[in-house]
Protein backbone atom coordinates (compact mmCIF):
# COMPACT_ATOMS: atom_id res chain seq x y z
CA UNK A 1 0.10 -0.03 -0.01
CA UNK A 2 2.94 2.46 0.66
CA UNK A 3 3.83 2.06 -2.81
CA UNK A 4 0.42 3.10 -4.05
CA UNK A 5 0.80 6.27 -1.76
CA UNK A 6 4.19 7.35 -3.16
CA UNK A 7 2.90 6.69 -6.69
CA UNK A 8 -0.03 9.21 -6.20
CA UNK A 9 1.64 11.66 -3.79
CA UNK A 10 4.14 12.84 -6.71
CA UNK A 11 0.84 14.00 -8.87
CA UNK A 12 0.99 17.76 -7.39
CA UNK A 13 4.86 17.83 -8.26
CA UNK A 14 3.95 16.89 -11.97
CA UNK A 15 0.97 19.10 -12.15
CA UNK A 16 2.72 22.16 -11.03
CA UNK A 17 5.91 21.74 -13.47
CA UNK A 18 5.89 23.59 -16.65
CA UNK A 19 6.90 20.06 -18.42
CA UNK A 20 3.55 17.85 -16.91
CA UNK A 21 3.26 17.04 -20.20
CA UNK A 22 6.01 15.50 -22.66
CA UNK A 23 6.59 17.17 -25.89
CA UNK A 24 4.84 14.21 -27.95
CA UNK A 25 1.81 15.35 -25.91
CA UNK A 26 1.88 19.01 -26.62
CA UNK A 27 2.78 18.43 -30.17
CA UNK A 28 -0.51 15.96 -30.44
CA UNK A 29 -2.76 18.49 -28.56
CA UNK A 30 -1.56 21.51 -30.82
CA UNK A 31 -1.93 19.18 -33.97
CA UNK A 32 -5.47 18.35 -32.83
CA UNK A 33 -6.34 22.21 -32.20
CA UNK A 34 -4.78 23.28 -35.56
CA UNK A 35 -7.10 20.28 -37.22
CA UNK A 36 -10.51 21.79 -35.52
CA UNK A 37 -9.41 25.19 -36.80
CA UNK A 38 -8.76 24.43 -40.39
CA UNK A 39 -12.14 22.67 -40.34
CA UNK A 40 -13.80 25.41 -38.72
CA UNK A 41 -12.63 27.92 -41.25
CA UNK A 42 -13.51 25.66 -44.46
CA UNK A 43 -17.19 25.95 -43.03
CA UNK A 44 -16.73 29.72 -42.44
CA UNK A 45 -15.32 30.09 -46.35
CA UNK A 46 -18.28 27.78 -47.66
CA UNK A 47 -20.88 29.88 -45.51
CA UNK A 48 -19.59 33.05 -47.15
CA UNK A 49 -19.98 31.77 -50.78
CA UNK A 50 -23.65 30.24 -50.10
CA UNK A 51 -24.49 33.66 -48.75
CA UNK A 52 -23.02 35.75 -51.70
CA UNK A 53 -24.97 32.94 -54.14
CA UNK A 54 -28.10 33.39 -52.38
CA UNK A 55 -28.25 37.21 -52.29
CA UNK A 56 -27.05 37.03 -56.14
CA UNK A 57 -29.98 34.81 -57.29
CA UNK A 58 -32.37 36.86 -55.24
CA UNK A 59 -30.95 39.89 -56.94
CA UNK A 60 -31.42 38.60 -60.05
CA UNK A 61 -35.15 37.18 -59.57
CA UNK A 62 -36.11 40.58 -58.24
CA UNK A 63 -36.84 39.45 -54.92
CA UNK A 64 -34.07 42.14 -53.86
CA UNK A 65 -34.27 44.81 -56.30
CA UNK A 66 -33.55 47.41 -53.91
CA UNK A 67 -30.01 45.82 -54.14
CA UNK A 68 -29.81 46.15 -57.83
CA UNK A 69 -28.12 49.39 -59.48
CA UNK A 70 -28.61 50.31 -62.66
CA UNK A 71 -24.96 50.89 -63.50
CA UNK A 72 -24.51 47.21 -62.81
CA UNK A 73 -24.42 45.12 -65.66
CA UNK A 74 -27.35 42.41 -65.60
CA UNK A 75 -25.65 39.84 -67.74
CA UNK A 76 -22.32 40.25 -65.11
CA UNK A 77 -24.81 39.74 -62.42
CA UNK A 78 -26.05 36.47 -63.93
CA UNK A 79 -22.44 35.36 -64.48
CA UNK A 80 -21.50 35.84 -61.16
CA UNK A 81 -24.23 33.77 -60.05
CA UNK A 82 -23.27 31.07 -62.03
CA UNK A 83 -19.49 31.00 -61.42
CA UNK A 84 -20.52 31.07 -57.47
CA UNK A 85 -22.86 28.03 -58.30
CA UNK A 86 -20.16 26.33 -59.83
CA UNK A 87 -17.48 26.86 -57.29
CA UNK A 88 -20.00 25.91 -54.56
CA UNK A 89 -20.77 22.58 -55.84
CA UNK A 90 -17.45 20.91 -55.62
CA UNK A 91 -16.27 22.97 -52.50
CA UNK A 92 -19.08 21.39 -50.55
CA UNK A 93 -17.80 17.89 -52.01
CA UNK A 94 -14.43 18.85 -50.82
CA UNK A 95 -15.46 19.95 -47.22
CA UNK A 96 -17.40 16.80 -46.53
CA UNK A 97 -14.15 15.04 -47.88
CA UNK A 98 -12.00 17.01 -45.84
CA UNK A 99 -13.78 16.84 -42.80
CA UNK A 100 -13.33 13.16 -43.07
CA UNK A 101 -9.92 13.34 -43.32
CA UNK A 102 -9.22 15.93 -40.58
CA UNK A 103 -10.99 13.61 -38.46
CA UNK A 104 -8.81 10.63 -39.30
CA UNK A 105 -6.17 13.00 -38.64
CA UNK A 106 -7.30 14.17 -35.34
CA UNK A 107 -7.93 10.38 -34.37
CA UNK A 108 -4.40 9.56 -35.07
CA UNK A 109 -2.67 12.31 -33.24
CA UNK A 110 -4.84 11.83 -30.13
CA UNK A 111 -4.02 8.01 -29.99
CA UNK A 112 -0.54 8.40 -30.88
CA UNK A 113 -0.20 10.91 -28.20
CA UNK A 114 -1.82 9.16 -25.49
CA UNK A 115 -0.07 6.14 -26.14
CA UNK A 116 3.46 7.50 -26.43
CA UNK A 117 2.99 9.60 -23.49
CA UNK A 118 1.73 6.77 -21.32
CA UNK A 119 4.59 4.41 -22.43
CA UNK A 120 7.17 7.18 -21.37
CA UNK A 121 5.30 8.19 -17.99
CA UNK A 122 4.55 4.65 -16.66
CA UNK A 123 7.44 3.34 -14.49
CA UNK A 124 5.91 -0.21 -14.74
CA UNK A 125 2.75 -2.00 -15.87
CA UNK A 126 0.42 -1.48 -12.85
CA UNK A 127 -2.87 0.16 -12.10
CA UNK A 128 -1.62 3.04 -10.11
CA UNK A 129 1.22 3.72 -12.87
CA UNK A 130 -1.75 3.69 -15.69
CA UNK A 131 -3.82 5.82 -13.73
CA UNK A 132 -1.30 8.56 -13.20
CA UNK A 133 0.12 8.31 -16.77
CA UNK A 134 -3.59 8.48 -18.44
CA UNK A 135 -4.46 11.65 -16.39
CA UNK A 136 -0.96 13.12 -17.70
CA UNK A 137 -1.49 12.36 -20.89
CA UNK A 138 -5.06 13.87 -21.66
CA UNK A 139 -4.80 17.62 -21.49
CA UNK A 140 -8.37 18.24 -20.46
CA UNK A 141 -8.66 16.18 -17.68
CA UNK A 142 -5.35 17.10 -16.05
CA UNK A 143 -6.52 20.40 -13.87
CA UNK A 144 -10.18 18.87 -13.06
CA UNK A 145 -8.08 15.61 -11.67
CA UNK A 146 -6.14 17.81 -9.72
CA UNK A 147 -8.93 19.67 -8.36
CA UNK A 148 -10.68 16.80 -7.45
CA UNK A 149 -7.74 15.14 -5.87
CA UNK A 150 -7.23 18.22 -3.67
CA UNK A 151 -10.90 18.86 -2.91
CA UNK A 152 -11.73 15.31 -1.80
CA UNK A 153 -8.38 14.36 -0.14
CA UNK A 154 -8.74 11.25 -1.93
CA UNK A 155 -5.87 8.30 -2.23
CA UNK A 156 -7.56 7.70 -5.75
CA UNK A 157 -8.01 4.18 -4.93
CA UNK A 158 -11.80 4.42 -5.76
CA UNK A 159 -10.32 4.81 -9.75
CA UNK A 160 -9.07 1.17 -9.19
CA UNK A 161 -10.49 -2.46 -9.26
CA UNK A 162 -14.00 -0.93 -10.48
CA UNK A 163 -16.89 -3.54 -10.93
CA UNK A 164 -18.90 -2.42 -14.38
CA UNK A 165 -21.30 -5.51 -13.69
CA UNK A 166 -21.15 -8.70 -11.91
CA UNK A 167 -18.98 -10.33 -15.09
CA UNK A 168 -16.64 -7.04 -15.97
CA UNK A 169 -13.95 -5.45 -13.41
CA UNK A 170 -11.61 -2.76 -14.94
CA UNK A 171 -8.31 -2.18 -13.44
CA UNK A 172 -8.94 1.54 -13.63
CA UNK A 173 -12.04 3.15 -14.45
CA UNK A 174 -13.02 6.90 -14.58
CA UNK A 175 -16.74 7.31 -14.84
CA UNK A 176 -18.57 10.37 -14.27
CA UNK A 177 -21.47 8.66 -12.66
CA UNK A 178 -19.20 7.62 -9.74
CA UNK A 179 -18.23 11.46 -8.86
CA UNK A 180 -19.78 14.18 -7.18
CA UNK A 181 -22.18 16.07 -8.97
CA UNK A 182 -20.39 19.37 -8.96
CA UNK A 183 -17.09 17.95 -9.77
CA UNK A 184 -15.47 19.77 -12.82
CA UNK A 185 -13.90 16.26 -13.35
CA UNK A 186 -17.67 14.81 -13.71
CA UNK A 187 -18.22 17.57 -16.21
CA UNK A 188 -15.17 16.69 -18.20
CA UNK A 189 -16.18 13.04 -18.14
CA UNK A 190 -19.58 13.54 -19.09
CA UNK A 191 -18.74 15.13 -22.34
CA UNK A 192 -15.25 13.11 -22.75
CA UNK A 193 -16.98 9.58 -21.78
CA UNK A 194 -15.98 7.17 -19.57
CA UNK A 195 -12.05 6.48 -19.61
CA UNK A 196 -11.54 2.65 -18.78
CA UNK A 197 -7.89 0.56 -18.73
CA UNK A 198 -7.28 -3.15 -18.40
CA UNK A 199 -3.98 -4.56 -18.17
CA UNK A 200 -3.39 -8.00 -19.30
CA UNK A 201 -0.26 -9.97 -18.18
CA UNK A 202 1.55 -11.69 -21.57
CA UNK A 203 -0.06 -11.43 -24.79
CA UNK A 204 -3.14 -9.24 -25.53
CA UNK A 205 -4.72 -11.60 -28.79
CA UNK A 206 -8.04 -10.84 -30.76
CA UNK A 207 -10.04 -13.30 -28.15
CA UNK A 208 -8.95 -10.99 -25.23
CA UNK A 209 -10.27 -7.87 -27.23
CA UNK A 210 -13.33 -9.43 -28.55
CA UNK A 211 -14.20 -10.57 -25.02
CA UNK A 212 -13.89 -7.06 -23.49
CA UNK A 213 -15.61 -5.44 -26.49
CA UNK A 214 -18.20 -7.85 -26.01
CA UNK A 215 -18.70 -7.14 -22.22
CA UNK A 216 -18.64 -3.19 -22.48
CA UNK A 217 -21.20 -3.48 -25.11
CA UNK A 218 -23.54 -5.10 -23.08
CA UNK A 219 -22.85 -2.59 -20.29
CA UNK A 220 -23.39 0.39 -22.41
CA UNK A 221 -26.78 -1.09 -24.02
CA UNK A 222 -27.85 -1.39 -20.33
CA UNK A 223 -26.57 1.71 -18.92
CA UNK A 224 -26.48 3.98 -22.10
CA UNK A 225 -23.44 5.54 -20.81
CA UNK A 226 -20.76 6.87 -23.39
CA UNK A 227 -17.55 5.17 -23.42
CA UNK A 228 -14.73 7.48 -24.78
CA UNK A 229 -11.56 5.42 -24.27
CA UNK A 230 -10.70 2.21 -23.29
CA UNK A 231 -6.85 1.09 -23.08
CA UNK A 232 -5.64 -2.42 -23.17
CA UNK A 233 -2.10 -2.76 -21.89
CA UNK A 234 -0.24 -5.96 -22.47
CA UNK A 235 3.54 -7.14 -22.63
CA UNK A 236 2.78 -8.02 -26.29
CA UNK A 237 -0.13 -7.32 -28.89
CA UNK A 238 -0.74 -9.73 -31.40
CA UNK A 239 -1.10 -8.78 -35.40
CA UNK A 240 -4.93 -10.13 -35.13
CA UNK A 241 -5.56 -7.95 -32.21
CA UNK A 242 -4.44 -4.88 -33.89
CA UNK A 243 -6.52 -5.65 -37.08
CA UNK A 244 -9.47 -6.15 -34.94
CA UNK A 245 -9.26 -3.20 -33.35
CA UNK A 246 -8.86 -1.50 -36.06
CA UNK A 247 -12.28 -2.44 -37.49
CA UNK A 248 -13.62 -1.70 -34.34
CA UNK A 249 -12.48 1.97 -34.66
CA UNK A 250 -13.81 2.50 -37.89
CA UNK A 251 -17.24 1.00 -36.85
CA UNK A 252 -19.18 3.53 -35.83
CA UNK A 253 -21.63 0.66 -34.51
CA UNK A 254 -19.28 -0.02 -31.67
CA UNK A 255 -20.26 2.59 -28.83
CA UNK A 256 -16.53 3.20 -27.87
CA UNK A 257 -15.14 6.45 -29.43
CA UNK A 258 -11.43 5.18 -29.12
CA UNK A 259 -9.93 1.86 -28.38
CA UNK A 260 -6.17 1.64 -28.21
CA UNK A 261 -3.61 -1.24 -27.74
CA UNK A 262 -0.47 -0.51 -25.81
CA UNK A 263 2.47 -2.41 -25.09
CA UNK A 264 4.25 -1.98 -21.57
CA UNK A 265 6.88 -5.00 -20.61
CA UNK A 266 7.26 -5.11 -16.99
CA UNK A 267 10.42 -3.73 -15.38
CA UNK A 268 12.22 -7.15 -15.04
CA UNK A 269 11.52 -7.30 -19.04
CA UNK A 270 13.77 -4.87 -20.21
CA UNK A 271 15.12 -1.28 -19.36
CA UNK A 272 12.43 1.22 -19.13
CA UNK A 273 12.67 4.79 -18.80
CA UNK A 274 12.75 6.51 -15.42
CA UNK A 275 9.44 7.70 -13.76
CA UNK A 276 10.81 11.14 -13.48
CA UNK A 277 11.63 11.89 -17.01
CA UNK A 278 8.94 14.30 -17.36
């Protein structure tokens, strides 16, 4: 128990450090924000063009005669409207395709950021280290988690060995419904969804992933809770498991926003990064 206490006591030191996020995390978060900015700008440009097109068509039809000046060539106005319509049609298609690409890029940055950060932060493959690592790897929950810890004086064990139902126990689980109603952490998790981590001794194979996904699917169907992130951590990951997870992440019918597989050998497997690298 003393080891668990030491693992959690250094949270504040990490939070208060300007190096609380590794460079990969900072790059990933910045990239995600940039992607969302590009997406929003595409909609702004399209909105402007749509507005101009509509005004031109209404002007030509006579509905907005007060906008029409005698010195403006009517034919030029018609030609401008046609050009705008021709430009708008492919632009709509481009925005739709761009949104799909940007969403995939955003998912990729978020996934790689979380995985890389957790690998560096975790000193060993255990529940306490996994909780610490996932908190420090997701920017939006760092401050709310710090506030929760300080206000409740919690030892954070309520996030460990959580039973979702009689058949499913999760090593690390952050669930909004289990937090105080006015907690800022609860508000973030309500938006983000549950964060669940399962630690496997040995290799994570396809069957392991299938069983967990099936159990979580039943849980979501019964509770209607949203799962934002599921992480399976093992010493090795089989190729079949990777392929299956790719199918899950691309299948919108599965009610898990992001499913990540992560390798993390035990300390006695091979040399690890020191815990204080960040």
